[in-house]
Structure formats: C-alpha cells, structure tokens
Amino acid sequence: GVGIVKGGATPIKKFDVEANGKKIPLLSAKVLAPQMNENSDDPEKSEYAVAIEWIKTVPVEKAIWQKGFFANQNTVCKLRNRFTLEKLTT
C-alpha cells in the first residue's frame, strides 16, 4: 500500500485502532502478530506503531513488483523514487 504517516511512533500498548466504528487498543484487536505485546512494558524493547492514512491498497494477490522499483527494509520511509511512484499511482 501507499499512505501518509499521520503521527509519530507510539508504544504498542498505547496505540489505538478503529474497529467496527470504535477506537480500541491495538493489543485488543484481531491481528496477525500475536507476540507484538512481548516487552510492551519495556520502552526500549517494546514494539511501536505508526498511524497511516492509506491512499491506495490492494489485496496480496494483486501486489506488484517490477525491476527498478524502490525497495527499503525500513517499515516507514518517504517514497521519492519517480519510477516507483508513477507505477504505483497509475
């Protein structure tokens, strides 16, 4: 997906998400990372989350990859690569 970061890094135990029209703690939501609450009481070892306003998302089976795309192992980065931007937004 492509999105805009809407806030700073927040400790996982303080991060809320919207589910069924209500804000709930992320740790109470159904997620695919069952161990993300490990170390949540230790600020140095805790997982952190960042709020994203998604501009465009696709199902996994429609994901694309093309030689020349920008790639970065960081979870969040500012995408400036023109080739990648043009392919993702058309």
PDB file of N, CA and C in Angstrom:
ATOM      1  N   GLY A   1       0.818  -1.187   0.000  1.00  0.00           N
ATOM      2  CA  GLY A   1       0.000   0.000   0.000  1.00  0.00           C
ATOM      3  C   GLY A   1       0.856   1.242   0.000  1.00  0.00           C
ATOM      4  N   VAL A   2       0.226   2.342  -0.302  1.00  0.00           N
ATOM      5  CA  VAL A   2       0.861   3.656  -0.270  1.00  0.00           C
ATOM      6  C   VAL A   2       0.024   4.522   0.656  1.00  0.00           C
ATOM      7  N   GLY A   3       0.685   5.202   1.581  1.00  0.00           N
ATOM      8  CA  GLY A   3      -0.063   6.009   2.529  1.00  0.00           C
ATOM      9  C   GLY A   3       0.749   7.176   3.046  1.00  0.00           C
ATOM     10  N   ILE A   4       0.103   7.958   3.888  1.00  0.00           N
ATOM     11  CA  ILE A   4       0.720   9.135   4.501  1.00  0.00           C
ATOM     12  C   ILE A   4       0.811   8.890   6.004  1.00  0.00           C
ATOM     13  N   VAL A   5       1.997   9.090   6.570  1.00  0.00           N
ATOM     14  CA  VAL A   5       2.190   8.946   8.007  1.00  0.00           C
ATOM     15  C   VAL A   5       1.452  10.083   8.703  1.00  0.00           C
ATOM     16  N   LYS A   6       0.611   9.737   9.677  1.00  0.00           N
ATOM     17  CA  LYS A   6      -0.226  10.721  10.353  1.00  0.00           C
ATOM     18  C   LYS A   6       0.186  10.985  11.798  1.00  0.00           C
ATOM     19  N   GLY A   7       1.249  10.376  12.260  1.00  0.00           N
ATOM     20  CA  GLY A   7       1.691  10.605  13.629  1.00  0.00           C
ATOM     21  C   GLY A   7       3.031   9.955  13.874  1.00  0.00           C
ATOM     22  N   GLY A   8       3.565  10.207  15.047  1.00  0.00           N
ATOM     23  CA  GLY A   8       4.858   9.649  15.404  1.00  0.00           C
ATOM     24  C   GLY A   8       4.743   8.223  15.912  1.00  0.00           C
ATOM     25  N   ALA A   9       5.882   7.618  16.153  1.00  0.00           N
ATOM     26  CA  ALA A   9       5.926   6.260  16.687  1.00  0.00           C
ATOM     27  C   ALA A   9       5.313   6.252  18.081  1.00  0.00           C
ATOM     28  N   THR A  10       4.427   5.293  18.321  1.00  0.00           N
ATOM     29  CA  THR A  10       3.704   5.172  19.585  1.00  0.00           C
ATOM     30  C   THR A  10       3.920   3.777  20.152  1.00  0.00           C
ATOM     31  N   PRO A  11       4.226   3.668  21.445  1.00  0.00           N
ATOM     32  CA  PRO A  11       4.374   2.333  22.029  1.00  0.00           C
ATOM     33  C   PRO A  11       3.124   1.493  21.755  1.00  0.00           C
ATOM     34  N   ILE A  12       3.316   0.236  21.467  1.00  0.00           N
ATOM     35  CA  ILE A  12       2.233  -0.654  21.053  1.00  0.00           C
ATOM     36  C   ILE A  12       1.094  -0.692  22.066  1.00  0.00           C
ATOM     37  N   LYS A  13       1.395  -0.607  23.352  1.00  0.00           N
ATOM     38  CA  LYS A  13       0.336  -0.691  24.358  1.00  0.00           C
ATOM     39  C   LYS A  13      -0.487   0.588  24.457  1.00  0.00           C
ATOM     40  N   LYS A  14      -0.030   1.682  23.811  1.00  0.00           N
ATOM     41  CA  LYS A  14      -0.778   2.942  23.822  1.00  0.00           C
ATOM     42  C   LYS A  14      -1.395   3.260  22.459  1.00  0.00           C
ATOM     43  N   PHE A  15      -1.242   2.359  21.489  1.00  0.00           N
ATOM     44  CA  PHE A  15      -1.702   2.608  20.117  1.00  0.00           C
ATOM     45  C   PHE A  15      -3.133   2.104  19.941  1.00  0.00           C
ATOM     46  N   ASP A  16      -4.020   2.996  19.475  1.00  0.00           N
ATOM     47  CA  ASP A  16      -5.414   2.644  19.231  1.00  0.00           C
ATOM     48  C   ASP A  16      -5.682   2.512  17.742  1.00  0.00           C
ATOM     49  N   VAL A  17      -6.637   1.648  17.408  1.00  0.00           N
ATOM     50  CA  VAL A  17      -7.095   1.471  16.034  1.00  0.00           C
ATOM     51  C   VAL A  17      -8.610   1.553  16.024  1.00  0.00           C
ATOM     52  N   GLU A  18      -9.173   1.728  14.835  1.00  0.00           N
ATOM     53  CA  GLU A  18     -10.626   1.740  14.705  1.00  0.00           C
ATOM     54  C   GLU A  18     -11.095   0.366  14.248  1.00  0.00           C
ATOM     55  N   ALA A  19     -12.077  -0.167  14.977  1.00  0.00           N
ATOM     56  CA  ALA A  19     -12.667  -1.461  14.628  1.00  0.00           C
ATOM     57  C   ALA A  19     -14.169  -1.360  14.836  1.00  0.00           C
ATOM     58  N   ASN A  20     -14.915  -1.629  13.789  1.00  0.00           N
ATOM     59  CA  ASN A  20     -16.379  -1.539  13.853  1.00  0.00           C
ATOM     60  C   ASN A  20     -16.848  -0.174  14.339  1.00  0.00           C
ATOM     61  N   GLY A  21     -16.153   0.879  13.885  1.00  0.00           N
ATOM     62  CA  GLY A  21     -16.549   2.238  14.219  1.00  0.00           C
ATOM     63  C   GLY A  21     -16.144   2.713  15.602  1.00  0.00           C
ATOM     64  N   LYS A  22     -15.373   1.912  16.329  1.00  0.00           N
ATOM     65  CA  LYS A  22     -14.946   2.292  17.677  1.00  0.00           C
ATOM     66  C   LYS A  22     -13.429   2.240  17.774  1.00  0.00           C
ATOM     67  N   LYS A  23     -12.855   3.148  18.581  1.00  0.00           N
ATOM     68  CA  LYS A  23     -11.420   3.091  18.845  1.00  0.00           C
ATOM     69  C   LYS A  23     -11.175   2.062  19.943  1.00  0.00           C
ATOM     70  N   ILE A  24     -10.241   1.156  19.660  1.00  0.00           N
ATOM     71  CA  ILE A  24      -9.874   0.148  20.650  1.00  0.00           C
ATOM     72  C   ILE A  24      -8.346   0.026  20.672  1.00  0.00           C
ATOM     73  N   PRO A  25      -7.784  -0.468  21.774  1.00  0.00           N
ATOM     74  CA  PRO A  25      -6.333  -0.690  21.800  1.00  0.00           C
ATOM     75  C   PRO A  25      -5.935  -1.719  20.740  1.00  0.00           C
ATOM     76  N   LEU A  26      -4.847  -1.471  20.056  1.00  0.00           N
ATOM     77  CA  LEU A  26      -4.364  -2.407  19.040  1.00  0.00           C
ATOM     78  C   LEU A  26      -4.170  -3.805  19.636  1.00  0.00           C
ATOM     79  N   LEU A  27      -3.714  -3.857  20.876  1.00  0.00           N
ATOM     80  CA  LEU A  27      -3.484  -5.154  21.503  1.00  0.00           C
ATOM     81  C   LEU A  27      -4.773  -5.924  21.756  1.00  0.00           C
ATOM     82  N   SER A  28      -5.928  -5.266  21.643  1.00  0.00           N
ATOM     83  CA  SER A  28      -7.216  -5.952  21.784  1.00  0.00           C
ATOM     84  C   SER A  28      -7.808  -6.353  20.439  1.00  0.00           C
ATOM     85  N   ALA A  29      -7.209  -5.877  19.348  1.00  0.00           N
ATOM     86  CA  ALA A  29      -7.728  -6.137  18.004  1.00  0.00           C
ATOM     87  C   ALA A  29      -7.224  -7.484  17.486  1.00  0.00           C
ATOM     88  N   LYS A  30      -7.976  -8.044  16.528  1.00  0.00           N
ATOM     89  CA  LYS A  30      -7.525  -9.264  15.869  1.00  0.00           C
ATOM     90  C   LYS A  30      -6.421  -8.871  14.892  1.00  0.00           C
ATOM     91  N   VAL A  31      -5.222  -9.367  15.129  1.00  0.00           N
ATOM     92  CA  VAL A  31      -4.073  -9.027  14.291  1.00  0.00           C
ATOM     93  C   VAL A  31      -3.273 -10.282  13.974  1.00  0.00           C
ATOM     94  N   LEU A  32      -2.381 -10.164  13.008  1.00  0.00           N
ATOM     95  CA  LEU A  32      -1.579 -11.307  12.577  1.00  0.00           C
ATOM     96  C   LEU A  32      -0.231 -11.387  13.280  1.00  0.00           C
ATOM     97  N   ALA A  33      -0.015 -10.577  14.289  1.00  0.00           N
ATOM     98  CA  ALA A  33       1.250 -10.577  15.022  1.00  0.00           C
ATOM     99  C   ALA A  33       0.973 -10.857  16.496  1.00  0.00           C
ATOM    100  N   PRO A  34       0.719 -12.126  16.839  1.00  0.00           N
ATOM    101  CA  PRO A  34       0.284 -12.458  18.191  1.00  0.00           C
ATOM    102  C   PRO A  34       1.286 -12.149  19.297  1.00  0.00           C
ATOM    103  N   GLN A  35       2.558 -11.981  18.973  1.00  0.00           N
ATOM    104  CA  GLN A  35       3.567 -11.733  20.002  1.00  0.00           C
ATOM    105  C   GLN A  35       3.971 -10.271  20.095  1.00  0.00           C
ATOM    106  N   MET A  36       3.219  -9.369  19.452  1.00  0.00           N
ATOM    107  CA  MET A  36       3.639  -7.969  19.458  1.00  0.00           C
ATOM    108  C   MET A  36       3.560  -7.332  20.840  1.00  0.00           C
ATOM    109  N   ASN A  37       2.860  -7.967  21.783  1.00  0.00           N
ATOM    110  CA  ASN A  37       2.788  -7.389  23.121  1.00  0.00           C
ATOM    111  C   ASN A  37       3.953  -7.814  24.011  1.00  0.00           C
ATOM    112  N   GLU A  38       4.811  -8.707  23.515  1.00  0.00           N
ATOM    113  CA  GLU A  38       6.001  -9.063  24.283  1.00  0.00           C
ATOM    114  C   GLU A  38       6.822  -7.804  24.513  1.00  0.00           C
ATOM    115  N   ASN A  39       7.292  -7.625  25.697  1.00  0.00           N
ATOM    116  CA  ASN A  39       8.133  -6.467  26.056  1.00  0.00           C
ATOM    117  C   ASN A  39       7.397  -5.140  26.006  1.00  0.00           C
ATOM    118  N   SER A  40       6.067  -5.156  25.974  1.00  0.00           N
ATOM    119  CA  SER A  40       5.328  -3.896  25.868  1.00  0.00           C
ATOM    120  C   SER A  40       5.457  -3.019  27.113  1.00  0.00           C
ATOM    121  N   ASP A  41       5.950  -3.567  28.197  1.00  0.00           N
ATOM    122  CA  ASP A  41       6.179  -2.769  29.404  1.00  0.00           C
ATOM    123  C   ASP A  41       7.588  -2.188  29.465  1.00  0.00           C
ATOM    124  N   ASP A  42       8.408  -2.510  28.482  1.00  0.00           N
ATOM    125  CA  ASP A  42       9.782  -2.013  28.430  1.00  0.00           C
ATOM    126  C   ASP A  42       9.927  -1.080  27.227  1.00  0.00           C
ATOM    127  N   PRO A  43      10.011   0.242  27.466  1.00  0.00           N
ATOM    128  CA  PRO A  43      10.073   1.203  26.345  1.00  0.00           C
ATOM    129  C   PRO A  43      11.214   0.953  25.355  1.00  0.00           C
ATOM    130  N   GLU A  44      12.302   0.338  25.815  1.00  0.00           N
ATOM    131  CA  GLU A  44      13.432   0.106  24.913  1.00  0.00           C
ATOM    132  C   GLU A  44      13.258  -1.145  24.058  1.00  0.00           C
ATOM    133  N   LYS A  45      12.438  -2.095  24.506  1.00  0.00           N
ATOM    134  CA  LYS A  45      12.249  -3.338  23.762  1.00  0.00           C
ATOM    135  C   LYS A  45      10.865  -3.454  23.131  1.00  0.00           C
ATOM    136  N   SER A  46       9.967  -2.552  23.491  1.00  0.00           N
ATOM    137  CA  SER A  46       8.580  -2.600  23.013  1.00  0.00           C
ATOM    138  C   SER A  46       8.496  -2.400  21.503  1.00  0.00           C
ATOM    139  N   GLU A  47       7.483  -3.019  20.905  1.00  0.00           N
ATOM    140  CA  GLU A  47       7.129  -2.695  19.523  1.00  0.00           C
ATOM    141  C   GLU A  47       6.495  -1.303  19.523  1.00  0.00           C
ATOM    142  N   TYR A  48       6.618  -0.597  18.419  1.00  0.00           N
ATOM    143  CA  TYR A  48       5.999   0.708  18.239  1.00  0.00           C
ATOM    144  C   TYR A  48       5.168   0.673  16.963  1.00  0.00           C
ATOM    145  N   ALA A  49       4.131   1.491  16.906  1.00  0.00           N
ATOM    146  CA  ALA A  49       3.275   1.555  15.722  1.00  0.00           C
ATOM    147  C   ALA A  49       3.163   3.006  15.261  1.00  0.00           C
ATOM    148  N   VAL A  50       2.851   3.175  13.977  1.00  0.00           N
ATOM    149  CA  VAL A  50       2.713   4.497  13.368  1.00  0.00           C
ATOM    150  C   VAL A  50       1.375   4.536  12.644  1.00  0.00           C
ATOM    151  N   ALA A  51       0.599   5.600  12.866  1.00  0.00           N
ATOM    152  CA  ALA A  51      -0.695   5.755  12.191  1.00  0.00           C
ATOM    153  C   ALA A  51      -0.467   6.130  10.724  1.00  0.00           C
ATOM    154  N   ILE A  52      -1.200   5.463   9.845  1.00  0.00           N
ATOM    155  CA  ILE A  52      -1.089   5.701   8.401  1.00  0.00           C
ATOM    156  C   ILE A  52      -2.469   6.003   7.829  1.00  0.00           C
ATOM    157  N   GLU A  53      -2.548   7.015   6.984  1.00  0.00           N
ATOM    158  CA  GLU A  53      -3.758   7.252   6.181  1.00  0.00           C
ATOM    159  C   GLU A  53      -3.478   6.608   4.825  1.00  0.00           C
ATOM    160  N   TRP A  54      -4.145   5.493   4.544  1.00  0.00           N
ATOM    161  CA  TRP A  54      -3.871   4.749   3.327  1.00  0.00           C
ATOM    162  C   TRP A  54      -4.497   5.437   2.124  1.00  0.00           C
ATOM    163  N   ILE A  55      -3.683   5.675   1.101  1.00  0.00           N
ATOM    164  CA  ILE A  55      -4.135   6.288  -0.147  1.00  0.00           C
ATOM    165  C   ILE A  55      -4.586   5.193  -1.107  1.00  0.00           C
ATOM    166  N   LYS A  56      -3.797   4.132  -1.163  1.00  0.00           N
ATOM    167  CA  LYS A  56      -4.132   3.028  -2.059  1.00  0.00           C
ATOM    168  C   LYS A  56      -3.606   1.731  -1.457  1.00  0.00           C
ATOM    169  N   THR A  57      -4.469   0.725  -1.424  1.00  0.00           N
ATOM    170  CA  THR A  57      -4.069  -0.612  -1.001  1.00  0.00           C
ATOM    171  C   THR A  57      -4.640  -1.616  -1.993  1.00  0.00           C
ATOM    172  N   VAL A  58      -4.021  -2.771  -2.056  1.00  0.00           N
ATOM    173  CA  VAL A  58      -4.510  -3.845  -2.915  1.00  0.00           C
ATOM    174  C   VAL A  58      -4.398  -5.161  -2.157  1.00  0.00           C
ATOM    175  N   PRO A  59      -5.210  -6.153  -2.523  1.00  0.00           N
ATOM    176  CA  PRO A  59      -5.057  -7.468  -1.911  1.00  0.00           C
ATOM    177  C   PRO A  59      -3.697  -8.074  -2.270  1.00  0.00           C
ATOM    178  N   VAL A  60      -3.198  -8.975  -1.447  1.00  0.00           N
ATOM    179  CA  VAL A  60      -1.892  -9.597  -1.683  1.00  0.00           C
ATOM    180  C   VAL A  60      -1.803 -10.187  -3.088  1.00  0.00           C
ATOM    181  N   GLU A  61      -2.869 -10.817  -3.547  1.00  0.00           N
ATOM    182  CA  GLU A  61      -2.811 -11.452  -4.872  1.00  0.00           C
ATOM    183  C   GLU A  61      -2.720 -10.442  -6.016  1.00  0.00           C
ATOM    184  N   LYS A  62      -2.935  -9.160  -5.745  1.00  0.00           N
ATOM    185  CA  LYS A  62      -2.800  -8.132  -6.789  1.00  0.00           C
ATOM    186  C   LYS A  62      -1.558  -7.264  -6.579  1.00  0.00           C
ATOM    187  N   ALA A  63      -0.720  -7.644  -5.607  1.00  0.00           N
ATOM    188  CA  ALA A  63       0.522  -6.901  -5.364  1.00  0.00           C
ATOM    189  C   ALA A  63       1.416  -6.997  -6.597  1.00  0.00           C
ATOM    190  N   ILE A  64       2.221  -5.969  -6.811  1.00  0.00           N
ATOM    191  CA  ILE A  64       3.099  -5.954  -7.986  1.00  0.00           C
ATOM    192  C   ILE A  64       4.545  -5.737  -7.570  1.00  0.00           C
ATOM    193  N   TRP A  65       5.451  -6.195  -8.397  1.00  0.00           N
ATOM    194  CA  TRP A  65       6.876  -5.921  -8.250  1.00  0.00           C
ATOM    195  C   TRP A  65       7.452  -5.841  -9.643  1.00  0.00           C
ATOM    196  N   GLN A  66       8.291  -4.858  -9.846  1.00  0.00           N
ATOM    197  CA  GLN A  66       8.902  -4.673 -11.153  1.00  0.00           C
ATOM    198  C   GLN A  66      10.355  -4.269 -10.945  1.00  0.00           C
ATOM    199  N   LYS A  67      11.243  -4.773 -11.791  1.00  0.00           N
ATOM    200  CA  LYS A  67      12.644  -4.395 -11.713  1.00  0.00           C
ATOM    201  C   LYS A  67      12.742  -2.872 -11.796  1.00  0.00           C
ATOM    202  N   GLY A  68      13.507  -2.300 -10.883  1.00  0.00           N
ATOM    203  CA  GLY A  68      13.679  -0.847 -10.843  1.00  0.00           C
ATOM    204  C   GLY A  68      12.863  -0.176  -9.751  1.00  0.00           C
ATOM    205  N   PHE A  69      11.942  -0.908  -9.116  1.00  0.00           N
ATOM    206  CA  PHE A  69      11.158  -0.337  -8.018  1.00  0.00           C
ATOM    207  C   PHE A  69      12.086  -0.002  -6.848  1.00  0.00           C
ATOM    208  N   PHE A  70      11.750   1.048  -6.152  1.00  0.00           N
ATOM    209  CA  PHE A  70      12.438   1.406  -4.919  1.00  0.00           C
ATOM    210  C   PHE A  70      12.085   0.372  -3.862  1.00  0.00           C
ATOM    211  N   ALA A  71      13.051  -0.083  -3.108  1.00  0.00           N
ATOM    212  CA  ALA A  71      12.804  -1.020  -2.013  1.00  0.00           C
ATOM    213  C   ALA A  71      13.628  -0.582  -0.807  1.00  0.00           C
ATOM    214  N   ASN A  72      13.065  -0.756   0.375  1.00  0.00           N
ATOM    215  CA  ASN A  72      13.738  -0.356   1.597  1.00  0.00           C
ATOM    216  C   ASN A  72      13.275  -1.276   2.715  1.00  0.00           C
ATOM    217  N   GLN A  73      14.187  -1.744   3.542  1.00  0.00           N
ATOM    218  CA  GLN A  73      13.806  -2.659   4.609  1.00  0.00           C
ATOM    219  C   GLN A  73      13.160  -1.949   5.790  1.00  0.00           C
ATOM    220  N   ASN A  74      13.182  -0.626   5.822  1.00  0.00           N
ATOM    221  CA  ASN A  74      12.511   0.103   6.894  1.00  0.00           C
ATOM    222  C   ASN A  74      11.001  -0.045   6.756  1.00  0.00           C
ATOM    223  N   THR A  75      10.313  -0.012   7.874  1.00  0.00           N
ATOM    224  CA  THR A  75       8.861  -0.131   7.848  1.00  0.00           C
ATOM    225  C   THR A  75       8.232   1.107   7.234  1.00  0.00           C
ATOM    226  N   VAL A  76       8.794   2.273   7.524  1.00  0.00           N
ATOM    227  CA  VAL A  76       8.247   3.533   7.033  1.00  0.00           C
ATOM    228  C   VAL A  76       9.369   4.322   6.383  1.00  0.00           C
ATOM    229  N   CYS A  77       9.116   4.860   5.206  1.00  0.00           N
ATOM    230  CA  CYS A  77      10.090   5.742   4.569  1.00  0.00           C
ATOM    231  C   CYS A  77       9.342   6.682   3.629  1.00  0.00           C
ATOM    232  N   LYS A  78       9.969   7.794   3.307  1.00  0.00           N
ATOM    233  CA  LYS A  78       9.366   8.730   2.358  1.00  0.00           C
ATOM    234  C   LYS A  78       9.738   8.262   0.949  1.00  0.00           C
ATOM    235  N   LEU A  79       8.718   7.979   0.155  1.00  0.00           N
ATOM    236  CA  LEU A  79       8.940   7.469  -1.196  1.00  0.00           C
ATOM    237  C   LEU A  79       9.104   8.640  -2.158  1.00  0.00           C
ATOM    238  N   ARG A  80      10.287   8.726  -2.763  1.00  0.00           N
ATOM    239  CA  ARG A  80      10.579   9.810  -3.707  1.00  0.00           C
ATOM    240  C   ARG A  80      10.988   9.285  -5.080  1.00  0.00           C
ATOM    241  N   ASN A  81      11.156   7.979  -5.202  1.00  0.00           N
ATOM    242  CA  ASN A  81      11.597   7.390  -6.457  1.00  0.00           C
ATOM    243  C   ASN A  81      10.505   7.554  -7.514  1.00  0.00           C
ATOM    244  N   ARG A  82      10.761   8.372  -8.517  1.00  0.00           N
ATOM    245  CA  ARG A  82       9.764   8.735  -9.527  1.00  0.00           C
ATOM    246  C   ARG A  82       9.205   7.506 -10.251  1.00  0.00           C
ATOM    247  N   PHE A  83      10.075   6.579 -10.652  1.00  0.00           N
ATOM    248  CA  PHE A  83       9.636   5.379 -11.378  1.00  0.00           C
ATOM    249  C   PHE A  83       8.620   4.596 -10.550  1.00  0.00           C
ATOM    250  N   THR A  84       8.958   4.352  -9.286  1.00  0.00           N
ATOM    251  CA  THR A  84       8.058   3.597  -8.409  1.00  0.00           C
ATOM    252  C   THR A  84       6.755   4.354  -8.189  1.00  0.00           C
ATOM    253  N   LEU A  85       6.842   5.644  -7.914  1.00  0.00           N
ATOM    254  CA  LEU A  85       5.646   6.463  -7.693  1.00  0.00           C
ATOM    255  C   LEU A  85       4.698   6.410  -8.898  1.00  0.00           C
ATOM    256  N   GLU A  86       5.243   6.558 -10.076  1.00  0.00           N
ATOM    257  CA  GLU A  86       4.415   6.551 -11.288  1.00  0.00           C
ATOM    258  C   GLU A  86       3.731   5.203 -11.488  1.00  0.00           C
ATOM    259  N   LYS A  87       4.440   4.100 -11.249  1.00  0.00           N
ATOM    260  CA  LYS A  87       3.834   2.776 -11.427  1.00  0.00           C
ATOM    261  C   LYS A  87       2.778   2.489 -10.379  1.00  0.00           C
ATOM    262  N   LEU A  88       2.997   2.948  -9.155  1.00  0.00           N
ATOM    263  CA  LEU A  88       2.051   2.674  -8.084  1.00  0.00           C
ATOM    264  C   LEU A  88       0.804   3.552  -8.134  1.00  0.00           C
ATOM    265  N   THR A  89       0.899   4.707  -8.736  1.00  0.00           N
ATOM    266  CA  THR A  89      -0.239   5.628  -8.723  1.00  0.00           C
ATOM    267  C   THR A  89      -1.006   5.667 -10.026  1.00  0.00           C
ATOM    268  N   THR A  90      -0.643   4.819 -10.982  1.00  0.00           N
ATOM    269  CA  THR A  90      -1.401   4.796 -12.238  1.00  0.00           C
ATOM    270  C   THR A  90      -2.269   3.566 -12.320  1.00  0.00           C
TER     271      THR A  90
END
